[in-house]
Amino acid sequence: MVAGLATEIRLRAPETKSPLQTIYWGGGTPSLLSALDLET
């Protein structure tokens, strides 16, 4: 899942006007990911 999210960010980066600062998705998901998962 994290790899897919990273791919999507790379693909959409040229469309953005400023650097990505925050990602919000489904209730509480970040607490289910390890710090290592979030670093990728």
N, C-alpha and C. Protein backbone atom coordinates (compact mmCIF):
# COMPACT_ATOMS: atom_id res chain seq x y z
N MET A 1 0.82 -1.19 0.00
CA MET A 1 0.00 0.00 0.00
C MET A 1 0.87 1.26 0.00
N VAL A 2 1.87 1.29 0.85
CA VAL A 2 2.73 2.47 0.92
C VAL A 2 3.48 2.69 -0.39
N ALA A 3 3.93 1.60 -0.99
CA ALA A 3 4.63 1.72 -2.28
C ALA A 3 3.70 2.29 -3.34
N GLY A 4 2.45 1.85 -3.34
CA GLY A 4 1.46 2.37 -4.29
C GLY A 4 1.20 3.85 -4.08
N LEU A 5 1.12 4.25 -2.82
CA LEU A 5 0.91 5.66 -2.50
C LEU A 5 2.10 6.50 -2.97
N ALA A 6 3.31 5.99 -2.74
CA ALA A 6 4.51 6.70 -3.19
C ALA A 6 4.54 6.85 -4.71
N THR A 7 4.14 5.81 -5.41
CA THR A 7 4.08 5.87 -6.87
C THR A 7 3.09 6.93 -7.32
N GLU A 8 1.92 6.95 -6.71
CA GLU A 8 0.90 7.94 -7.06
C GLU A 8 1.40 9.36 -6.82
N ILE A 9 2.11 9.57 -5.73
CA ILE A 9 2.66 10.91 -5.43
C ILE A 9 3.66 11.31 -6.50
N ARG A 10 4.55 10.39 -6.88
CA ARG A 10 5.54 10.70 -7.93
C ARG A 10 4.86 11.03 -9.25
N LEU A 11 3.82 10.28 -9.59
CA LEU A 11 3.12 10.52 -10.85
C LEU A 11 2.40 11.86 -10.88
N ARG A 12 1.88 12.27 -9.75
CA ARG A 12 1.10 13.51 -9.68
C ARG A 12 1.93 14.74 -9.33
N ALA A 13 3.16 14.55 -8.91
CA ALA A 13 4.01 15.67 -8.49
C ALA A 13 4.09 16.80 -9.51
N PRO A 14 4.22 16.50 -10.81
CA PRO A 14 4.29 17.59 -11.79
C PRO A 14 3.03 18.47 -11.82
N GLU A 15 1.91 17.96 -11.33
CA GLU A 15 0.66 18.72 -11.35
C GLU A 15 0.53 19.69 -10.17
N THR A 16 1.40 19.57 -9.18
CA THR A 16 1.26 20.38 -7.96
C THR A 16 2.02 21.69 -8.08
N LYS A 17 1.54 22.67 -7.33
CA LYS A 17 2.18 23.99 -7.34
C LYS A 17 3.14 24.17 -6.17
N SER A 18 3.02 23.33 -5.15
CA SER A 18 3.90 23.43 -3.99
C SER A 18 4.20 22.02 -3.47
N PRO A 19 5.24 21.88 -2.66
CA PRO A 19 5.60 20.56 -2.14
C PRO A 19 4.48 19.96 -1.27
N LEU A 20 4.35 18.66 -1.33
CA LEU A 20 3.39 17.95 -0.50
C LEU A 20 3.81 18.07 0.96
N GLN A 21 2.88 18.42 1.83
CA GLN A 21 3.19 18.56 3.25
C GLN A 21 2.46 17.55 4.11
N THR A 22 1.24 17.20 3.73
CA THR A 22 0.42 16.31 4.56
C THR A 22 -0.41 15.39 3.67
N ILE A 23 -0.56 14.16 4.10
CA ILE A 23 -1.45 13.21 3.43
C ILE A 23 -2.46 12.72 4.46
N TYR A 24 -3.74 12.84 4.15
CA TYR A 24 -4.80 12.32 5.01
C TYR A 24 -5.50 11.20 4.27
N TRP A 25 -5.67 10.06 4.93
CA TRP A 25 -6.49 9.02 4.34
C TRP A 25 -7.09 8.17 5.45
N GLY A 26 -8.20 7.54 5.18
CA GLY A 26 -9.03 6.72 6.05
C GLY A 26 -8.73 6.68 7.53
N GLY A 27 -9.73 6.76 8.33
CA GLY A 27 -9.69 6.84 9.78
C GLY A 27 -8.65 6.02 10.52
N GLY A 28 -7.62 6.65 11.00
CA GLY A 28 -6.65 6.02 11.87
C GLY A 28 -5.58 5.19 11.18
N THR A 29 -5.56 5.13 9.89
CA THR A 29 -4.63 4.28 9.17
C THR A 29 -3.17 4.50 9.58
N PRO A 30 -2.70 5.74 9.75
CA PRO A 30 -1.29 5.92 10.09
C PRO A 30 -0.86 5.16 11.35
N SER A 31 -1.76 4.98 12.30
CA SER A 31 -1.39 4.26 13.52
C SER A 31 -1.16 2.78 13.24
N LEU A 32 -1.61 2.29 12.11
CA LEU A 32 -1.42 0.88 11.76
C LEU A 32 -0.12 0.65 11.00
N LEU A 33 0.55 1.70 10.60
CA LEU A 33 1.79 1.57 9.85
C LEU A 33 2.98 1.79 10.77
N SER A 34 4.03 1.04 10.56
CA SER A 34 5.24 1.25 11.34
C SER A 34 5.98 2.48 10.83
N ALA A 35 6.91 2.97 11.62
CA ALA A 35 7.72 4.11 11.19
C ALA A 35 8.48 3.77 9.90
N LEU A 36 8.94 2.54 9.79
CA LEU A 36 9.65 2.11 8.58
C LEU A 36 8.75 2.20 7.36
N ASP A 37 7.48 1.81 7.49
CA ASP A 37 6.53 1.92 6.37
C ASP A 37 6.37 3.37 5.94
N LEU A 38 6.35 4.28 6.89
CA LEU A 38 6.13 5.68 6.57
C LEU A 38 7.36 6.33 5.95
N GLU A 39 8.53 5.75 6.13
CA GLU A 39 9.76 6.30 5.57
C GLU A 39 9.90 6.01 4.09
N THR A 40 9.19 5.04 3.55
CA THR A 40 9.35 4.68 2.14
C THR A 40 8.62 5.64 1.24
